[in-house]
Amino acid sequence: MLTRRPLLASLLAVTGARPAAAEPTWTLATEYPRTAMPGEGVAHFAAAATRLAAGALTVTPGFDAPNGLRSAAMLRAVAEGRIEAADAFTGALGGEAAIFQLSALPFLTASAADTERLLRVARPAYRAALAARGLTLLYATPWPASGIWSRRPLPDAAALQGLKIRTYDAASTAVMRAAGATPAQISFADAAPRLRRGELDAVLSSGDGGAGARLWEILPHFTVLDYASPLSLAFCATAALDALPAAVREALAAAGGETEARQFVAIGTRLAENETRMRTNGVTIAAIPALRAALTEAAAPVIADWETRAGAEGTAILAAYRAG
């Protein structure tokens, strides 16, 4: 009597049929919650790509740093094939290339309109930096402007002295240190546990990221700074992309364009939505001009240092952006 496997092989030989190939599946990961702007972008792209690929590819979203994957490690993780795609906060990628730190530079972008204008100028440089690492840009997501979440009010610049604050990149770490604070550069996903242990007094983040992770449960004060309105970038491994049929590659490109457009439309109402959510949950929101002035002064040498490291390309991008 034939076993099941030889019988199947005999049937395939007679009919010429082949077993159906498993549908390829990608995961697109972010370290942020589903409710933060990057999380919404990841969810939208996954749904759009799966729909447009029409059964030839399924993209699954991953939120809150799946498998412990933070933004700073995402370039390497995707390039090495440990995950197919990721959405990373660019400030955390500054150690890889100066261009990634651009949108998070202090007091350079204070609105979504600024961020979009800077993206238009810098997009070729982002693509080139990713391509050099075997990666392809899928889309960009804007963040609302960063401010300071804190346990206590920050009434003036003196309140920064010794403030144990989470920062998100080398630039913000240098600025806070120069202003007298005690910064700790860590991922957003790692901030909440340290806050609960009392190791931090404050977090540099937007109202969006903080609202999404319910920072108001620990930090009931938010100081408006318009420190930066940075980007997250979503990218995939170029080798994985090239292995897909042309129609699926086109579907992913279309999904990326659709997602980026959606993100920049969404940011238009996001600030008011975040403020309403924060106030509803008891957050006190204040703008302190003296504190902002102190940070602006501390930021000047940080921006100059970035321009030196970025070289002629960085200088040209800043000049084109400032020229409007």
Protein backbone atom coordinates (compact mmCIF):
# COMPACT_ATOMS: atom_id res chain seq x y z
CA MET A 1 0.00 0.00 0.00
CA LEU A 2 1.29 3.47 -0.90
CA THR A 3 1.94 5.92 1.90
CA ARG A 4 0.28 9.35 1.72
CA ARG A 5 3.43 11.19 0.55
CA PRO A 6 4.21 8.89 -2.48
CA LEU A 7 0.51 8.96 -3.40
CA LEU A 8 0.54 12.76 -3.41
CA ALA A 9 3.71 12.75 -5.49
CA SER A 10 2.10 10.34 -7.98
CA LEU A 11 -0.96 12.54 -8.34
CA LEU A 12 1.18 15.62 -8.91
CA ALA A 13 3.19 13.77 -11.54
CA VAL A 14 0.04 12.78 -13.42
CA THR A 15 -1.77 16.12 -13.20
CA GLY A 16 1.25 18.39 -13.44
CA ALA A 17 -0.03 20.27 -10.40
CA ARG A 18 2.25 21.77 -7.76
CA PRO A 19 1.53 22.49 -4.09
CA ALA A 20 0.47 26.11 -3.56
CA ALA A 21 3.33 28.24 -2.33
CA ALA A 22 2.85 29.77 1.08
CA GLU A 23 1.81 33.39 0.86
CA PRO A 24 4.78 35.56 1.87
CA THR A 25 4.33 37.52 5.08
CA TRP A 26 6.14 40.62 6.26
CA THR A 27 6.17 42.24 9.68
CA LEU A 28 6.45 46.03 9.99
CA ALA A 29 7.53 46.94 13.54
CA THR A 30 7.57 50.14 15.59
CA GLU A 31 8.59 50.75 19.19
CA TYR A 32 5.57 53.03 19.68
CA PRO A 33 1.96 52.26 20.67
CA ARG A 34 -0.78 51.73 18.11
CA THR A 35 -2.28 55.10 19.11
CA ALA A 36 0.86 57.18 18.42
CA MET A 37 1.39 58.65 14.95
CA PRO A 38 3.96 55.99 13.90
CA GLY A 39 1.65 53.26 15.21
CA GLU A 40 -1.22 54.58 13.11
CA GLY A 41 1.07 54.73 10.08
CA VAL A 42 2.24 51.15 10.58
CA ALA A 43 -1.36 49.95 10.86
CA HIS A 44 -2.42 51.89 7.77
CA PHE A 45 0.51 50.71 5.66
CA ALA A 46 0.02 47.09 6.67
CA ALA A 47 -3.65 47.19 5.69
CA ALA A 48 -3.02 49.11 2.46
CA ALA A 49 -0.12 46.92 1.35
CA THR A 50 -2.04 43.71 2.07
CA ARG A 51 -5.06 45.05 0.17
CA LEU A 52 -3.11 46.28 -2.84
CA ALA A 53 -1.00 43.11 -3.04
CA ALA A 54 -4.26 41.20 -3.58
CA GLY A 55 -3.21 38.00 -1.85
CA ALA A 56 0.42 37.99 -2.98
CA LEU A 57 1.76 39.44 0.30
CA THR A 58 0.46 39.97 3.83
CA VAL A 59 1.98 42.73 5.96
CA THR A 60 1.45 42.43 9.72
CA PRO A 61 1.90 45.43 12.05
CA GLY A 62 3.96 45.12 15.24
CA PHE A 63 3.62 47.71 18.01
CA ASP A 64 5.35 48.52 21.33
CA ALA A 65 8.82 47.24 20.33
CA PRO A 66 8.00 43.61 19.42
CA ASN A 67 10.71 41.24 20.60
CA GLY A 68 12.37 44.20 22.31
CA LEU A 69 13.26 45.91 19.02
CA ARG A 70 13.92 49.64 19.53
CA SER A 71 14.43 52.30 16.85
CA ALA A 72 18.21 52.47 17.31
CA ALA A 73 18.59 48.78 16.38
CA MET A 74 16.13 48.71 13.50
CA LEU A 75 18.46 49.56 10.62
CA ARG A 76 20.67 46.58 11.40
CA ALA A 77 17.78 44.25 12.22
CA VAL A 78 16.13 44.86 8.86
CA ALA A 79 19.40 44.80 6.90
CA GLU A 80 20.27 41.45 8.49
CA GLY A 81 16.85 40.00 7.65
CA ARG A 82 15.72 39.53 11.26
CA ILE A 83 12.58 41.46 10.36
CA GLU A 84 11.34 42.53 6.95
CA ALA A 85 10.49 46.17 7.69
CA ALA A 86 10.50 48.71 10.51
CA ASP A 87 9.39 52.22 11.37
CA ALA A 88 12.13 54.00 13.33
CA PHE A 89 12.34 57.41 14.98
CA THR A 90 15.10 59.17 13.06
CA GLY A 91 16.70 60.84 16.07
CA ALA A 92 17.63 57.41 17.43
CA LEU A 93 19.45 56.64 14.17
CA GLY A 94 21.83 59.60 14.41
CA GLY A 95 24.77 57.38 15.28
CA GLU A 96 24.45 55.65 11.91
CA ALA A 97 24.57 58.80 9.77
CA ALA A 98 24.24 62.50 10.49
CA ILE A 99 21.36 62.89 8.04
CA PHE A 100 19.08 60.79 10.23
CA GLN A 101 19.40 63.33 13.05
CA LEU A 102 18.30 66.22 10.82
CA SER A 103 14.57 66.43 11.55
CA ALA A 104 15.14 66.12 15.31
CA LEU A 105 17.58 69.04 15.50
CA PRO A 106 16.42 71.51 18.17
CA PHE A 107 14.24 74.43 17.10
CA LEU A 108 14.61 73.68 13.39
CA THR A 109 11.10 72.35 12.74
CA ALA A 110 8.27 73.71 14.88
CA SER A 111 5.29 72.49 12.85
CA ALA A 112 4.14 69.76 10.51
CA ALA A 113 4.46 72.22 7.62
CA ASP A 114 8.12 72.75 8.52
CA THR A 115 8.65 69.00 8.74
CA GLU A 116 7.06 68.37 5.34
CA ARG A 117 9.15 71.12 3.72
CA LEU A 118 12.35 69.73 5.24
CA LEU A 119 11.39 66.22 4.10
CA ARG A 120 11.04 67.39 0.50
CA VAL A 121 14.56 68.78 0.57
CA ALA A 122 16.15 65.87 2.46
CA ARG A 123 14.34 62.88 0.94
CA PRO A 124 17.13 62.07 -1.58
CA ALA A 125 19.66 62.05 1.26
CA TYR A 126 17.46 59.77 3.39
CA ARG A 127 17.06 57.38 0.47
CA ALA A 128 20.80 57.35 -0.20
CA ALA A 129 21.68 56.72 3.46
CA LEU A 130 19.22 53.83 3.61
CA ALA A 131 20.36 52.41 0.26
CA ALA A 132 23.96 52.35 1.51
CA ARG A 133 22.75 49.96 4.22
CA GLY A 134 20.74 47.72 1.88
CA LEU A 135 17.42 49.36 2.75
CA THR A 136 14.60 51.04 0.85
CA LEU A 137 12.46 53.92 2.14
CA LEU A 138 8.74 53.10 2.28
CA TYR A 139 7.26 56.28 3.77
CA ALA A 140 7.76 58.98 6.42
CA THR A 141 5.62 59.92 9.44
CA PRO A 142 5.63 63.38 11.09
CA TRP A 143 5.55 63.78 14.85
CA PRO A 144 3.85 66.63 16.72
CA ALA A 145 6.29 69.05 18.32
CA SER A 146 8.25 67.79 21.33
CA GLY A 147 7.82 69.24 24.80
CA ILE A 148 8.62 68.16 28.35
CA TRP A 149 6.39 65.88 30.42
CA SER A 150 7.25 66.25 34.12
CA ARG A 151 6.19 65.28 37.63
CA ARG A 152 6.25 68.91 38.77
CA PRO A 153 5.71 72.23 36.96
CA LEU A 154 8.78 73.78 35.31
CA PRO A 155 8.17 77.48 35.95
CA ASP A 156 11.53 78.79 34.72
CA ALA A 157 14.94 77.81 33.37
CA ALA A 158 16.20 77.13 36.91
CA ALA A 159 13.77 74.19 37.09
CA LEU A 160 15.99 72.35 34.60
CA GLN A 161 18.88 72.15 37.06
CA GLY A 162 19.41 68.51 37.95
CA LEU A 163 16.17 67.45 36.25
CA LYS A 164 16.42 63.73 35.47
CA ILE A 165 14.97 63.71 31.97
CA ARG A 166 14.64 61.10 29.24
CA THR A 167 16.05 62.37 25.96
CA TYR A 168 15.70 60.75 22.56
CA ASP A 169 18.92 61.46 20.66
CA ALA A 170 22.45 62.77 21.03
CA ALA A 171 21.37 66.32 20.19
CA SER A 172 18.63 66.56 22.83
CA THR A 173 20.97 64.94 25.35
CA ALA A 174 23.62 67.58 24.69
CA VAL A 175 21.08 70.41 24.85
CA MET A 176 19.59 69.28 28.15
CA ARG A 177 23.01 68.72 29.69
CA ALA A 178 24.15 72.21 28.63
CA ALA A 179 20.99 73.66 30.21
CA GLY A 180 21.83 71.99 33.55
CA ALA A 181 19.57 68.92 33.40
CA THR A 182 20.66 65.31 33.95
CA PRO A 183 19.63 63.57 30.71
CA ALA A 184 19.33 59.86 29.99
CA GLN A 185 19.12 58.93 26.31
CA ILE A 186 16.78 55.93 26.15
CA SER A 187 14.07 54.64 23.84
CA PHE A 188 10.48 55.62 24.45
CA ALA A 189 9.61 51.98 25.12
CA ASP A 190 12.05 51.96 28.06
CA ALA A 191 10.89 55.24 29.62
CA ALA A 192 7.74 54.10 31.45
CA PRO A 193 9.41 51.39 33.60
CA ARG A 194 12.12 53.83 34.69
CA LEU A 195 9.51 56.47 35.50
CA ARG A 196 7.61 54.02 37.69
CA ARG A 197 10.84 53.17 39.54
CA GLY A 198 11.39 56.88 40.19
CA GLU A 199 14.58 57.01 38.12
CA LEU A 200 13.31 59.84 35.92
CA ASP A 201 11.57 63.15 36.65
CA ALA A 202 10.61 64.04 33.10
CA VAL A 203 10.43 62.90 29.47
CA LEU A 204 11.17 64.83 26.30
CA SER A 205 8.44 63.72 23.89
CA SER A 206 5.49 65.04 21.95
CA GLY A 207 2.01 65.15 23.38
CA ASP A 208 1.21 62.44 20.85
CA GLY A 209 3.68 59.82 22.00
CA GLY A 210 2.99 60.64 25.60
CA ALA A 211 -0.77 60.54 25.16
CA GLY A 212 -0.52 57.23 23.35
CA ALA A 213 1.41 55.66 26.21
CA ARG A 214 -0.64 57.40 28.93
CA LEU A 215 2.29 59.27 30.37
CA TRP A 216 -0.23 61.45 32.15
CA GLU A 217 -0.66 58.71 34.73
CA ILE A 218 2.86 59.49 35.99
CA LEU A 219 3.72 62.93 34.61
CA PRO A 220 0.81 65.37 34.97
CA HIS A 221 2.58 68.45 33.55
CA PHE A 222 3.45 69.23 29.93
CA THR A 223 5.64 72.20 28.99
CA VAL A 224 5.13 73.38 25.41
CA LEU A 225 8.49 74.01 23.74
CA ASP A 226 8.09 73.38 20.00
CA TYR A 227 11.51 71.81 20.47
CA ALA A 228 11.31 69.78 17.25
CA SER A 229 8.70 68.20 14.99
CA PRO A 230 10.76 65.21 13.84
CA LEU A 231 10.18 62.24 11.55
CA SER A 232 9.94 58.52 11.79
CA LEU A 233 10.99 56.63 8.66
CA ALA A 234 9.61 53.26 7.55
CA PHE A 235 11.92 51.09 5.47
CA CYS A 236 12.39 47.53 4.30
CA ALA A 237 15.28 45.32 3.20
CA THR A 238 16.02 46.00 -0.45
CA ALA A 239 16.86 42.32 -1.03
CA ALA A 240 13.47 41.26 0.34
CA LEU A 241 11.76 43.88 -1.81
CA ASP A 242 13.62 42.81 -4.95
CA ALA A 243 12.62 39.19 -4.36
CA LEU A 244 8.95 40.07 -4.77
CA PRO A 245 7.13 40.13 -8.13
CA ALA A 246 7.01 43.52 -9.86
CA ALA A 247 3.28 43.91 -9.18
CA VAL A 248 3.82 43.42 -5.45
CA ARG A 249 6.69 45.92 -5.41
CA GLU A 250 4.37 48.41 -7.09
CA ALA A 251 1.71 47.67 -4.48
CA LEU A 252 4.15 48.41 -1.66
CA ALA A 253 5.21 51.67 -3.30
CA ALA A 254 1.57 52.69 -3.68
CA ALA A 255 0.85 51.75 -0.06
CA GLY A 256 3.82 53.85 1.05
CA GLY A 257 2.61 56.89 -0.86
CA GLU A 258 -0.91 56.44 0.48
CA THR A 259 0.34 56.09 4.04
CA GLU A 260 2.61 59.14 3.97
CA ALA A 261 -0.19 61.28 2.53
CA ARG A 262 -2.53 59.99 5.22
CA GLN A 263 -0.02 60.78 7.97
CA PHE A 264 0.47 64.40 6.90
CA VAL A 265 -3.29 64.91 6.68
CA ALA A 266 -3.78 63.35 10.12
CA ILE A 267 -1.18 65.56 11.76
CA GLY A 268 -3.27 68.60 10.82
CA THR A 269 -5.86 67.87 13.50
CA ARG A 270 -3.62 65.86 15.80
CA LEU A 271 -2.38 68.71 17.99
CA ALA A 272 -5.88 69.79 18.99
CA GLU A 273 -6.91 66.15 19.58
CA ASN A 274 -3.85 65.52 21.75
CA GLU A 275 -4.40 68.67 23.79
CA THR A 276 -8.03 67.74 24.42
CA ARG A 277 -7.07 64.21 25.46
CA MET A 278 -4.34 65.47 27.74
CA ARG A 279 -6.51 68.07 29.48
CA THR A 280 -9.32 65.52 29.88
CA ASN A 281 -6.85 63.31 31.74
CA GLY A 282 -5.75 66.08 34.09
CA VAL A 283 -2.58 67.25 32.38
CA THR A 284 -1.59 70.86 33.01
CA ILE A 285 -0.24 72.42 29.80
CA ALA A 286 1.94 75.53 29.93
CA ALA A 287 4.34 77.48 27.72
CA ILE A 288 7.34 78.96 29.57
CA PRO A 289 9.21 81.45 27.33
CA ALA A 290 12.23 81.72 29.66
CA LEU A 291 12.72 77.97 29.66
CA ARG A 292 12.46 77.80 25.89
CA ALA A 293 14.95 80.66 25.55
CA ALA A 294 17.46 78.83 27.75
CA LEU A 295 17.16 75.67 25.63
CA THR A 296 17.43 77.65 22.40
CA GLU A 297 20.71 79.12 23.62
CA ALA A 298 21.97 75.67 24.62
CA ALA A 299 20.98 74.32 21.19
CA ALA A 300 23.09 76.68 19.06
CA PRO A 301 26.41 74.77 19.38
CA VAL A 302 24.59 71.45 18.88
CA ILE A 303 23.23 72.56 15.51
CA ALA A 304 26.66 73.91 14.52
CA ASP A 305 28.25 70.57 15.42
CA TRP A 306 25.69 68.69 13.32
CA GLU A 307 26.39 70.88 10.31
CA THR A 308 30.11 70.18 10.66
CA ARG A 309 29.52 66.42 10.80
CA ALA A 310 27.00 66.48 7.94
CA GLY A 311 29.42 68.35 5.68
CA ALA A 312 28.50 69.97 2.40
CA GLU A 313 25.36 67.87 2.01
CA GLY A 314 24.00 69.00 5.36
CA THR A 315 24.84 72.64 4.71
CA ALA A 316 23.07 72.49 1.34
CA ILE A 317 19.97 70.89 2.85
CA LEU A 318 19.74 73.47 5.63
CA ALA A 319 20.24 76.32 3.15
CA ALA A 320 17.52 75.00 0.82
CA TYR A 321 15.15 74.47 3.74
CA ARG A 322 15.72 77.93 5.23
CA ALA A 323 15.27 79.53 1.82
CA GLY A 324 11.76 78.10 1.76
